[in-house]
């Protein structure tokens, strides 16, 4: 049963503008210089671990940034240079929002329900609307278009992004879990939400609305008895777990969560009993706050690791290098090998992404497919050694190794970014998909 992971290819405008409210790393590293070249190469190195393990790997193309069509909609006009400089003069934050490379975090690209779970036996894909943050909300249209290009066969159903409620929207797979006896059997899908979209709690930013999550489950034609909704723990959100994939993760029969991941203990207990009754090899592993304090879980990104089943049907965990700095986390990993099916660990250096609050799990979108569905994928988005070599050569040639938020109005950055995107469309053989290519 193929597991295909689509990572976000990191774009040439990767910078630290501190745009993500509730994301501690994003705020902490505000205005630090970034290294887009290193960031992109680090992301590819992580993806290559999956390829070497026998899995298929795809990439989403970076979005067009700086996004001049958006600035023009706001009334900025003139030459490209004039638009950039006048927008920067008007508001540095505004230009930063239209220059963010945040589409790199593919876990926020979409929510995906495999055909094994759906009543019509199609794989359903709903691109996230990301309405809680402006810089991310402008990703939706291009992500939707890419999903339609990638998942183009009759076995796929790509939905329009969900509506938002009172500014609370949908954050995609980062707030979604799937648990099953194995990939190729019907599973249980868990949608994790912050609060109702109609609540008036403004103490913390709760990005995922319950009603939006339920609308996605309905559109994906999931069976009610196999679909669950859990609320994020408000303490975890306030401490920096802006997405639930920082405090929990799952793969096939494995479900790992911190003691303070979910708000309602009774609902979690009921769910666990249901899973234990229906999945004979189910393993729930809870990390107590005494074993690893919530703050350490969030700071280390231990549970934002990427848990996958490799080509030899073995479970592997890809962790950020930062975890090694936490003794409690390393002790728990030793224990995990003894009590679970997870025996293989890989530590990766994705420091550039981590400084903006994105670990290994943030960079990828897992898609569970059967062999026929895999063949129906647009193969242009799947990696070959030749394609990877061409991408890495382009990054080495065109990406900057130093970028400060004050560099964003530089018209040369716009030209460099467009050259990169134009060449990527040739490498991926997808035609003119960017707005600047259509002028």
Protein backbone atom coordinates (compact mmCIF):
# COMPACT_ATOMS: atom_id res chain seq x y z
CA UNK A 1 0.00 0.00 0.00
CA UNK A 2 1.86 3.13 -1.14
CA UNK A 3 2.30 6.06 1.17
CA UNK A 4 3.15 9.16 -0.84
CA UNK A 5 4.37 12.29 0.89
CA UNK A 6 4.14 15.70 -0.74
CA UNK A 7 6.50 18.24 0.79
CA UNK A 8 6.42 21.95 0.24
CA UNK A 9 9.39 23.01 -1.88
CA UNK A 10 10.79 26.00 0.01
CA UNK A 11 10.74 29.18 -2.05
CA UNK A 12 13.45 31.83 -2.53
CA UNK A 13 11.71 34.42 -0.30
CA UNK A 14 11.98 32.32 2.90
CA UNK A 15 12.38 34.93 5.64
CA UNK A 16 11.69 35.62 9.30
CA UNK A 17 9.02 38.29 9.45
CA UNK A 18 7.29 36.89 12.54
CA UNK A 19 3.82 36.79 10.97
CA UNK A 20 2.35 33.75 12.73
CA UNK A 21 0.51 34.67 15.92
CA UNK A 22 0.72 31.96 18.56
CA UNK A 23 3.86 30.49 16.96
CA UNK A 24 6.65 31.02 19.50
CA UNK A 25 9.54 30.26 17.14
CA UNK A 26 8.16 32.59 14.47
CA UNK A 27 7.95 35.45 16.97
CA UNK A 28 11.26 34.67 18.68
CA UNK A 29 13.26 34.83 15.46
CA UNK A 30 11.52 37.91 14.07
CA UNK A 31 13.85 40.07 11.95
CA UNK A 32 16.70 37.55 12.01
CA UNK A 33 18.46 36.97 8.69
CA UNK A 34 17.38 33.78 6.93
CA UNK A 35 19.17 31.54 4.46
CA UNK A 36 16.71 30.54 1.70
CA UNK A 37 19.31 28.38 -0.06
CA UNK A 38 20.08 26.38 3.06
CA UNK A 39 16.37 26.14 3.92
CA UNK A 40 15.44 24.66 0.54
CA UNK A 41 18.34 22.19 0.53
CA UNK A 42 17.55 21.10 4.10
CA UNK A 43 13.96 20.43 3.09
CA UNK A 44 15.08 18.31 0.16
CA UNK A 45 17.49 16.35 2.36
CA UNK A 46 14.60 15.44 4.65
CA UNK A 47 12.50 14.31 1.69
CA UNK A 48 15.39 12.19 0.39
CA UNK A 49 15.26 10.10 3.58
CA UNK A 50 11.78 8.98 2.55
CA UNK A 51 12.91 8.23 -0.98
CA UNK A 52 15.84 6.13 0.28
CA UNK A 53 13.42 4.24 2.54
CA UNK A 54 11.43 3.08 -0.49
CA UNK A 55 8.59 5.60 -0.48
CA UNK A 56 7.44 7.87 -3.26
CA UNK A 57 8.00 11.55 -2.72
CA UNK A 58 6.31 14.51 -4.33
CA UNK A 59 6.63 18.27 -4.02
CA UNK A 60 4.23 21.17 -4.11
CA UNK A 61 5.69 24.07 -6.08
CA UNK A 62 6.39 27.32 -4.19
CA UNK A 63 3.82 30.08 -4.51
CA UNK A 64 4.43 33.27 -6.45
CA UNK A 65 6.11 35.64 -4.00
CA UNK A 66 6.24 38.62 -3.75
CA UNK A 67 2.61 38.39 -4.88
CA UNK A 68 2.13 41.57 -6.89
CA UNK A 69 -1.45 40.78 -8.01
CA UNK A 70 -2.50 41.02 -4.36
CA UNK A 71 -0.74 44.34 -3.89
CA UNK A 72 -2.36 45.68 -7.06
CA UNK A 73 -5.76 44.72 -5.67
CA UNK A 74 -5.00 46.98 -2.71
CA UNK A 75 -4.34 49.92 -5.00
CA UNK A 76 -0.57 49.84 -5.44
CA UNK A 77 0.42 50.50 -9.04
CA UNK A 78 3.24 51.49 -11.36
CA UNK A 79 6.31 49.46 -12.23
CA UNK A 80 7.16 46.36 -10.24
CA UNK A 81 9.84 48.32 -8.38
CA UNK A 82 7.41 51.15 -7.60
CA UNK A 83 4.79 48.70 -6.29
CA UNK A 84 7.27 46.98 -3.98
CA UNK A 85 8.80 50.16 -2.61
CA UNK A 86 5.50 51.98 -2.11
CA UNK A 87 4.00 48.94 -0.35
CA UNK A 88 7.05 48.68 1.91
CA UNK A 89 6.90 52.41 2.70
CA UNK A 90 3.19 52.12 3.48
CA UNK A 91 3.60 49.03 5.70
CA UNK A 92 6.52 46.65 6.15
CA UNK A 93 4.12 44.09 7.59
CA UNK A 94 1.87 44.31 4.53
CA UNK A 95 4.71 43.55 2.13
CA UNK A 96 5.93 40.76 4.41
CA UNK A 97 2.50 39.12 4.19
CA UNK A 98 2.65 39.13 0.39
CA UNK A 99 6.23 37.79 0.39
CA UNK A 100 5.95 34.94 2.91
CA UNK A 101 7.23 31.50 1.88
CA UNK A 102 4.89 29.79 4.36
CA UNK A 103 3.44 27.45 1.72
CA UNK A 104 6.55 25.37 2.47
CA UNK A 105 4.53 23.77 5.31
CA UNK A 106 2.52 21.30 3.29
CA UNK A 107 0.77 19.90 6.38
CA UNK A 108 -1.41 22.99 6.02
CA UNK A 109 -2.08 22.45 2.32
CA UNK A 110 -5.12 20.18 2.65
CA UNK A 111 -7.06 17.54 4.54
CA UNK A 112 -7.09 14.17 2.76
CA UNK A 113 -9.38 11.19 3.34
CA UNK A 114 -8.23 7.96 1.63
CA UNK A 115 -10.69 6.01 -0.51
CA UNK A 116 -10.74 3.25 2.12
CA UNK A 117 -12.59 5.61 4.47
CA UNK A 118 -15.09 7.23 2.10
CA UNK A 119 -18.55 6.05 1.10
CA UNK A 120 -17.98 6.67 -2.61
CA UNK A 121 -14.51 5.01 -2.53
CA UNK A 122 -12.80 8.11 -3.84
CA UNK A 123 -9.87 9.93 -2.25
CA UNK A 124 -11.21 13.28 -1.08
CA UNK A 125 -9.02 16.37 -0.86
CA UNK A 126 -10.03 19.69 0.69
CA UNK A 127 -7.41 22.46 0.41
CA UNK A 128 -7.15 24.40 3.67
CA UNK A 129 -8.54 27.94 3.72
CA UNK A 130 -6.09 29.10 6.44
CA UNK A 131 -8.30 32.07 7.21
CA UNK A 132 -6.85 32.72 10.67
CA UNK A 133 -3.67 34.29 9.24
CA UNK A 134 -3.72 36.66 6.28
CA UNK A 135 -0.33 35.66 4.88
CA UNK A 136 -1.52 32.04 4.75
CA UNK A 137 -5.04 32.73 3.53
CA UNK A 138 -3.66 34.04 0.24
CA UNK A 139 -2.17 30.59 -0.43
CA UNK A 140 -5.55 28.94 -0.84
CA UNK A 141 -6.29 29.58 -4.51
CA UNK A 142 -2.91 28.43 -5.80
CA UNK A 143 -2.93 25.39 -3.51
CA UNK A 144 -6.39 24.49 -4.81
CA UNK A 145 -5.12 24.77 -8.39
CA UNK A 146 -2.09 22.61 -7.62
CA UNK A 147 -4.27 19.97 -5.99
CA UNK A 148 -6.40 19.84 -9.12
CA UNK A 149 -3.24 19.36 -11.18
CA UNK A 150 -1.81 16.65 -8.93
CA UNK A 151 -4.98 14.71 -8.11
CA UNK A 152 -6.42 14.75 -11.60
CA UNK A 153 -7.82 11.23 -12.03
CA UNK A 154 -11.43 10.09 -11.64
CA UNK A 155 -10.53 8.36 -8.38
CA UNK A 156 -9.96 11.76 -6.73
CA UNK A 157 -12.39 14.43 -5.61
CA UNK A 158 -10.85 17.86 -4.99
CA UNK A 159 -13.24 20.09 -3.08
CA UNK A 160 -13.38 23.85 -2.91
CA UNK A 161 -11.79 25.14 0.34
CA UNK A 162 -14.25 25.25 3.23
CA UNK A 163 -15.96 28.41 4.41
CA UNK A 164 -14.56 30.11 7.48
CA UNK A 165 -16.56 31.22 10.51
CA UNK A 166 -15.69 34.48 12.26
CA UNK A 167 -12.12 34.34 10.99
CA UNK A 168 -11.65 30.75 12.16
CA UNK A 169 -10.99 28.41 9.34
CA UNK A 170 -9.30 25.17 8.41
CA UNK A 171 -5.62 24.38 8.88
CA UNK A 172 -5.52 21.11 6.96
CA UNK A 173 -3.71 17.92 7.96
CA UNK A 174 -1.96 19.64 10.87
CA UNK A 175 -5.24 19.23 12.79
CA UNK A 176 -6.21 15.84 11.37
CA UNK A 177 -5.29 12.29 12.43
CA UNK A 178 -5.98 8.93 10.80
CA UNK A 179 -5.71 5.61 12.64
CA UNK A 180 -6.15 2.18 11.03
CA UNK A 181 -4.98 -1.38 11.40
CA UNK A 182 -2.88 -0.73 8.29
CA UNK A 183 -2.87 1.86 5.54
CA UNK A 184 -4.93 -0.28 3.18
CA UNK A 185 -7.83 -0.88 5.57
CA UNK A 186 -10.71 1.36 6.55
CA UNK A 187 -9.57 3.84 9.14
CA UNK A 188 -10.82 6.20 11.81
CA UNK A 189 -10.40 9.90 11.17
CA UNK A 190 -9.99 12.39 14.00
CA UNK A 191 -10.56 16.09 13.37
CA UNK A 192 -8.99 18.31 16.02
CA UNK A 193 -10.44 21.78 16.50
CA UNK A 194 -9.75 24.81 18.65
CA UNK A 195 -13.31 25.87 19.40
CA UNK A 196 -16.66 26.61 17.83
CA UNK A 197 -16.43 29.33 15.23
CA UNK A 198 -19.19 31.12 17.13
CA UNK A 199 -17.44 31.24 20.52
CA UNK A 200 -16.17 34.59 21.77
CA UNK A 201 -13.08 33.40 23.61
CA UNK A 202 -10.33 35.78 22.57
CA UNK A 203 -7.74 34.68 25.12
CA UNK A 204 -5.81 32.67 22.53
CA UNK A 205 -5.85 32.12 18.78
CA UNK A 206 -7.85 28.98 18.09
CA UNK A 207 -7.45 28.56 14.36
CA UNK A 208 -9.61 25.51 13.62
CA UNK A 209 -13.40 25.81 13.93
CA UNK A 210 -15.46 22.77 14.92
CA UNK A 211 -18.16 23.55 12.37
CA UNK A 212 -15.59 23.81 9.57
CA UNK A 213 -14.08 20.46 10.55
CA UNK A 214 -17.52 18.86 10.48
CA UNK A 215 -18.24 20.31 7.04
CA UNK A 216 -15.05 18.71 5.68
CA UNK A 217 -15.94 15.34 7.20
CA UNK A 218 -19.40 15.56 5.61
CA UNK A 219 -18.05 16.54 2.21
CA UNK A 220 -15.55 13.68 2.36
CA UNK A 221 -18.44 11.24 2.80
CA UNK A 222 -17.06 9.68 5.97
CA UNK A 223 -19.07 7.27 8.09
CA UNK A 224 -20.22 8.87 11.34
CA UNK A 225 -19.13 5.88 13.43
CA UNK A 226 -15.57 6.18 12.09
CA UNK A 227 -15.28 9.95 12.48
CA UNK A 228 -14.38 11.77 15.69
CA UNK A 229 -13.86 15.36 16.83
CA UNK A 230 -11.51 16.30 19.65
CA UNK A 231 -10.85 19.75 21.03
CA UNK A 232 -7.32 21.07 21.43
CA UNK A 233 -6.21 21.71 24.98
CA UNK A 234 -6.39 25.47 25.60
CA UNK A 235 -3.26 25.33 27.77
CA UNK A 236 -1.32 23.72 24.93
CA UNK A 237 -2.49 26.40 22.49
CA UNK A 238 -1.49 29.18 24.88
CA UNK A 239 1.96 27.63 25.30
CA UNK A 240 2.59 27.49 21.56
CA UNK A 241 0.85 24.40 20.14
CA UNK A 242 -0.93 26.45 17.47
CA UNK A 243 -1.54 23.21 15.53
CA UNK A 244 -2.30 19.87 17.14
CA UNK A 245 0.53 18.13 15.27
CA UNK A 246 2.93 19.66 17.80
CA UNK A 247 1.44 17.60 20.65
CA UNK A 248 0.19 14.43 18.91
CA UNK A 249 0.86 12.26 15.86
CA UNK A 250 -0.37 9.02 14.32
CA UNK A 251 0.48 6.49 11.65
CA UNK A 252 -1.50 3.33 10.91
CA UNK A 253 -2.16 1.66 14.31
CA UNK A 254 0.04 4.03 16.34
CA UNK A 255 -1.39 7.06 18.16
CA UNK A 256 0.95 9.16 20.30
CA UNK A 257 -0.16 12.18 22.31
CA UNK A 258 0.94 14.31 25.21
CA UNK A 259 -1.22 14.20 28.33
CA UNK A 260 -2.26 17.82 27.67
CA UNK A 261 -2.95 17.51 23.95
CA UNK A 262 -6.76 17.38 24.22
CA UNK A 263 -9.25 19.35 26.28
CA UNK A 264 -11.85 16.74 27.19
CA UNK A 265 -10.42 13.65 28.89
CA UNK A 266 -13.74 11.83 28.86
CA UNK A 267 -14.11 12.20 25.08
CA UNK A 268 -10.54 10.98 24.56
CA UNK A 269 -11.16 7.94 26.79
CA UNK A 270 -14.33 7.10 24.88
CA UNK A 271 -12.48 7.38 21.57
CA UNK A 272 -9.63 5.17 22.79
CA UNK A 273 -12.04 2.46 23.93
CA UNK A 274 -13.67 2.54 20.51
CA UNK A 275 -10.32 2.21 18.74
CA UNK A 276 -9.16 -0.59 21.04
CA UNK A 277 -12.35 -2.52 20.31
CA UNK A 278 -12.09 -2.19 16.53
CA UNK A 279 -8.34 -2.23 15.83
CA UNK A 280 -6.74 -5.35 17.24
CA UNK A 281 -3.19 -4.03 16.99
CA UNK A 282 -3.98 -0.50 18.24
CA UNK A 283 -1.24 1.18 20.30
CA UNK A 284 -1.95 4.39 22.19
CA UNK A 285 1.15 5.91 23.75
CA UNK A 286 0.61 8.83 26.08
CA UNK A 287 3.41 11.04 27.34
CA UNK A 288 2.68 12.27 30.84
CA UNK A 289 3.53 15.81 31.87
CA UNK A 290 5.79 14.42 34.58
CA UNK A 291 7.74 12.40 31.98
CA UNK A 292 8.13 15.29 29.52
CA UNK A 293 6.64 18.66 30.51
CA UNK A 294 4.35 20.25 27.96
CA UNK A 295 6.77 23.13 27.46
CA UNK A 296 9.56 20.72 26.47
CA UNK A 297 7.26 18.88 24.07
CA UNK A 298 6.41 22.16 22.35
CA UNK A 299 9.91 23.65 22.40
CA UNK A 300 11.61 20.47 21.12
CA UNK A 301 8.98 19.66 18.46
CA UNK A 302 9.36 16.01 19.49
CA UNK A 303 5.83 15.14 18.32
CA UNK A 304 6.09 17.25 15.20
CA UNK A 305 8.30 14.47 13.89
CA UNK A 306 7.32 12.62 10.72
CA UNK A 307 6.11 9.08 11.39
CA UNK A 308 5.95 6.93 8.28
CA UNK A 309 5.84 3.30 7.15
CA UNK A 310 8.79 2.63 4.86
CA UNK A 311 9.06 0.38 1.83
CA UNK A 312 9.95 -2.61 4.05
CA UNK A 313 6.75 -2.06 6.08
CA UNK A 314 8.73 -0.79 9.07
CA UNK A 315 7.81 2.32 11.03
CA UNK A 316 10.34 5.12 10.97
CA UNK A 317 10.41 8.41 12.84
CA UNK A 318 12.10 11.47 11.34
CA UNK A 319 12.95 13.92 14.12
CA UNK A 320 14.43 17.42 14.20
CA UNK A 321 18.01 17.63 15.46
CA UNK A 322 16.80 19.95 18.22
CA UNK A 323 15.30 16.97 20.09
CA UNK A 324 18.82 15.82 20.99
CA UNK A 325 19.13 18.82 23.32
CA UNK A 326 16.38 17.50 25.60
CA UNK A 327 17.40 14.64 27.91
CA UNK A 328 13.79 13.77 28.76
CA UNK A 329 12.92 13.47 25.07
CA UNK A 330 15.91 11.25 24.31
CA UNK A 331 15.09 9.00 27.28
CA UNK A 332 11.50 8.70 26.04
CA UNK A 333 12.72 7.74 22.54
CA UNK A 334 14.74 4.89 24.06
CA UNK A 335 11.60 3.74 25.82
CA UNK A 336 9.50 4.08 22.65
CA UNK A 337 11.58 1.44 20.87
CA UNK A 338 10.76 -1.00 23.64
CA UNK A 339 7.01 -0.41 23.81
CA UNK A 340 5.98 0.21 20.20
CA UNK A 341 6.42 -0.86 16.58
CA UNK A 342 8.62 2.21 15.95
CA UNK A 343 12.22 1.01 15.75
CA UNK A 344 13.90 3.34 13.24
CA UNK A 345 14.91 6.94 13.96
CA UNK A 346 16.45 9.58 11.72
CA UNK A 347 17.46 13.01 12.96
CA UNK A 348 17.41 15.79 10.38
CA UNK A 349 18.77 19.31 10.27
CA UNK A 350 15.90 21.53 9.16
CA UNK A 351 17.00 24.45 11.32
CA UNK A 352 15.84 27.08 8.84
CA UNK A 353 12.28 25.76 8.96
CA UNK A 354 12.38 25.19 12.72
CA UNK A 355 13.31 28.84 13.33
CA UNK A 356 9.98 29.76 11.78
CA UNK A 357 8.07 27.12 13.76
CA UNK A 358 7.90 24.21 11.31
CA UNK A 359 9.27 20.74 12.05
CA UNK A 360 9.44 17.59 9.88
CA UNK A 361 5.69 16.95 10.10
CA UNK A 362 4.92 20.53 9.04
CA UNK A 363 6.85 20.14 5.81
CA UNK A 364 4.84 17.22 4.46
CA UNK A 365 1.35 16.12 3.50
CA UNK A 366 0.83 12.35 3.74
CA UNK A 367 -1.39 10.75 1.08
CA UNK A 368 -2.48 7.11 1.44
CA UNK A 369 -3.24 5.54 -1.94
CA UNK A 370 -3.61 2.15 -3.57
CA UNK A 371 -1.53 1.23 -6.61
CA UNK A 372 -4.13 2.32 -9.16
CA UNK A 373 -4.58 5.69 -7.46
CA UNK A 374 -0.83 6.21 -7.39
CA UNK A 375 -0.74 5.69 -11.15
CA UNK A 376 -3.51 8.28 -11.53
CA UNK A 377 -1.40 10.95 -9.81
CA UNK A 378 0.20 13.56 -12.02
CA UNK A 379 3.64 11.97 -12.23
CA UNK A 380 5.24 15.36 -12.99
CA UNK A 381 4.98 16.21 -9.29
CA UNK A 382 6.71 13.00 -8.16
CA UNK A 383 10.46 12.99 -7.71
CA UNK A 384 13.09 11.19 -9.74
CA UNK A 385 16.83 11.46 -9.19
CA UNK A 386 17.13 13.55 -12.35
CA UNK A 387 14.41 15.94 -11.23
CA UNK A 388 15.92 16.30 -7.76
CA UNK A 389 19.35 17.03 -9.26
CA UNK A 390 17.85 19.74 -11.48
CA UNK A 391 16.02 21.31 -8.51
CA UNK A 392 19.13 21.30 -6.32
CA UNK A 393 21.22 22.80 -9.10
CA UNK A 394 18.64 25.58 -9.51
CA UNK A 395 18.65 26.29 -5.77
CA UNK A 396 22.45 26.43 -5.64
CA UNK A 397 22.49 28.82 -8.60
CA UNK A 398 19.61 31.18 -7.85
CA UNK A 399 18.72 31.20 -4.13
CA UNK A 400 20.25 33.72 -1.76
CA UNK A 401 22.16 32.58 1.29
CA UNK A 402 21.19 35.67 3.28
CA UNK A 403 17.83 37.43 3.37
CA UNK A 404 16.62 40.00 5.87
CA UNK A 405 13.00 41.21 6.05
CA UNK A 406 14.27 44.66 5.04
CA UNK A 407 15.44 43.12 1.74
CA UNK A 408 11.88 42.24 0.66
CA UNK A 409 11.26 45.40 -1.44
CA UNK A 410 14.40 44.70 -3.49
CA UNK A 411 13.18 44.33 -7.12
CA UNK A 412 16.09 41.96 -7.74
CA UNK A 413 14.51 39.51 -5.28
CA UNK A 414 11.33 39.58 -7.35
CA UNK A 415 13.31 38.90 -10.53
CA UNK A 416 15.24 36.07 -8.87
CA UNK A 417 12.07 34.51 -7.52
CA UNK A 418 10.36 34.64 -10.89
CA UNK A 419 13.35 33.05 -12.61
CA UNK A 420 13.24 30.22 -10.07
CA UNK A 421 9.52 29.64 -10.46
CA UNK A 422 9.70 29.80 -14.24
CA UNK A 423 12.46 27.18 -14.33
CA UNK A 424 10.62 24.98 -11.83
CA UNK A 425 7.56 24.88 -14.09
CA UNK A 426 9.87 23.60 -16.83
CA UNK A 427 11.43 20.97 -14.54
CA UNK A 428 7.94 19.84 -13.46
CA UNK A 429 6.60 20.26 -17.01
CA UNK A 430 3.37 21.89 -15.84
CA UNK A 431 3.13 24.86 -18.20
CA UNK A 432 2.50 28.48 -17.24
CA UNK A 433 0.70 28.27 -13.89
CA UNK A 434 1.90 31.50 -12.27
CA UNK A 435 0.24 34.87 -12.78
CA UNK A 436 3.45 36.54 -13.96
CA UNK A 437 3.82 33.87 -16.67
CA UNK A 438 0.42 34.81 -18.09
CA UNK A 439 1.18 38.51 -18.60
